């Protein structure tokens, strides 16, 4: 009975690890578009970016993720930006953890 519980726990853990791994869609993608909203956070901010294809991405920008204060920029509503990072999707939202700010206009 103890071995059966151990095997069950192992199967659940393996399933969890596999599902978390498959949730990462693209680790070095680029998103470009216009900033429509900004929400400040503890370590940075989240910018809502609308692309030319009418897709919406929530870009999480923090000093740590972009490599330090020398690479960090604060967007303004209306800026046209291009960012690189890791994209993941929830049921109805696209997200990107920004690792590089390519351009801000």
Protein backbone atom coordinates (compact mmCIF):
# COMPACT_ATOMS: atom_id res chain seq x y z
CA UNK A 1 0.00 0.00 0.00
CA UNK A 2 2.88 2.39 0.80
CA UNK A 3 4.50 1.68 -2.55
CA UNK A 4 1.21 2.37 -4.31
CA UNK A 5 1.00 5.80 -2.63
CA UNK A 6 4.60 6.59 -3.58
CA UNK A 7 3.95 5.65 -7.19
CA UNK A 8 0.77 7.75 -7.22
CA UNK A 9 2.61 10.78 -5.85
CA UNK A 10 5.40 10.29 -8.39
CA UNK A 11 2.90 10.17 -11.26
CA UNK A 12 1.17 13.36 -10.06
CA UNK A 13 4.52 15.17 -9.75
CA UNK A 14 5.65 14.05 -13.21
CA UNK A 15 2.35 15.21 -14.71
CA UNK A 16 2.73 18.60 -13.01
CA UNK A 17 6.31 19.05 -14.28
CA UNK A 18 5.36 18.10 -17.83
CA UNK A 19 2.35 20.44 -17.86
CA UNK A 20 4.43 23.36 -16.51
CA UNK A 21 7.08 22.76 -19.15
CA UNK A 22 4.54 22.73 -21.96
CA UNK A 23 3.01 26.05 -20.78
CA UNK A 24 6.06 27.98 -21.97
CA UNK A 25 5.27 28.84 -25.55
CA UNK A 26 8.19 30.93 -26.72
CA UNK A 27 11.23 31.96 -24.70
CA UNK A 28 12.68 34.58 -27.05
CA UNK A 29 9.77 36.20 -28.86
CA UNK A 30 9.35 39.81 -29.93
CA UNK A 31 6.17 41.83 -29.40
CA UNK A 32 5.67 45.26 -30.96
CA UNK A 33 2.78 47.64 -30.59
CA UNK A 34 1.24 50.63 -28.87
CA UNK A 35 1.05 50.96 -25.07
CA UNK A 36 -2.60 51.42 -24.04
CA UNK A 37 -2.35 51.12 -20.25
CA UNK A 38 0.22 50.86 -17.47
CA UNK A 39 -0.19 49.31 -14.04
CA UNK A 40 2.57 49.86 -11.49
CA UNK A 41 3.79 46.94 -9.45
CA UNK A 42 6.20 46.28 -6.61
CA UNK A 43 9.32 45.65 -8.71
CA UNK A 44 8.32 47.26 -11.99
CA UNK A 45 5.15 47.59 -14.02
CA UNK A 46 2.85 45.87 -16.49
CA UNK A 47 2.15 47.52 -19.84
CA UNK A 48 -0.84 46.58 -22.00
CA UNK A 49 0.45 46.44 -25.58
CA UNK A 50 -1.85 46.31 -28.62
CA UNK A 51 -0.14 44.94 -31.73
CA UNK A 52 -0.92 45.81 -35.36
CA UNK A 53 -2.68 42.41 -35.61
CA UNK A 54 -5.13 43.52 -32.87
CA UNK A 55 -3.58 41.15 -30.32
CA UNK A 56 -3.21 42.32 -26.73
CA UNK A 57 -0.16 41.42 -24.62
CA UNK A 58 0.42 42.18 -20.96
CA UNK A 59 4.15 42.91 -20.73
CA UNK A 60 5.76 42.58 -17.30
CA UNK A 61 8.82 44.85 -17.08
CA UNK A 62 11.15 44.83 -14.08
CA UNK A 63 14.71 46.04 -13.49
CA UNK A 64 15.89 42.54 -12.63
CA UNK A 65 14.43 40.87 -15.75
CA UNK A 66 15.89 43.42 -18.20
CA UNK A 67 19.40 43.11 -16.75
CA UNK A 68 19.71 46.12 -14.47
CA UNK A 69 18.84 49.82 -14.23
CA UNK A 70 20.87 50.74 -17.32
CA UNK A 71 18.48 48.65 -19.50
CA UNK A 72 15.24 49.64 -17.72
CA UNK A 73 12.86 52.18 -19.27
CA UNK A 74 9.48 53.41 -18.10
CA UNK A 75 6.88 53.39 -20.89
CA UNK A 76 4.17 56.01 -21.28
CA UNK A 77 0.66 55.50 -22.63
CA UNK A 78 0.82 56.06 -26.39
CA UNK A 79 4.44 54.88 -26.81
CA UNK A 80 5.13 52.50 -29.68
CA UNK A 81 7.40 49.81 -28.27
CA UNK A 82 9.17 46.61 -29.19
CA UNK A 83 10.13 44.11 -26.48
CA UNK A 84 11.66 40.63 -26.32
CA UNK A 85 11.01 37.94 -23.78
CA UNK A 86 9.16 34.81 -22.75
CA UNK A 87 5.54 34.52 -23.90
CA UNK A 88 2.90 32.48 -22.16
CA UNK A 89 -0.86 32.35 -22.50
CA UNK A 90 -3.71 31.95 -20.08
CA UNK A 91 -7.23 31.04 -21.18
CA UNK A 92 -7.97 34.48 -22.58
CA UNK A 93 -4.79 36.59 -22.18
CA UNK A 94 -1.32 36.80 -23.73
CA UNK A 95 1.60 37.65 -21.43
CA UNK A 96 5.27 38.38 -21.99
CA UNK A 97 8.00 38.58 -19.34
CA UNK A 98 10.24 41.22 -20.89
CA UNK A 99 13.97 40.44 -20.89
CA UNK A 100 14.98 43.14 -23.41
CA UNK A 101 13.48 46.49 -24.38
CA UNK A 102 14.30 46.77 -28.09
CA UNK A 103 12.83 50.21 -28.86
CA UNK A 104 10.57 52.94 -27.50
CA UNK A 105 9.17 55.68 -29.76
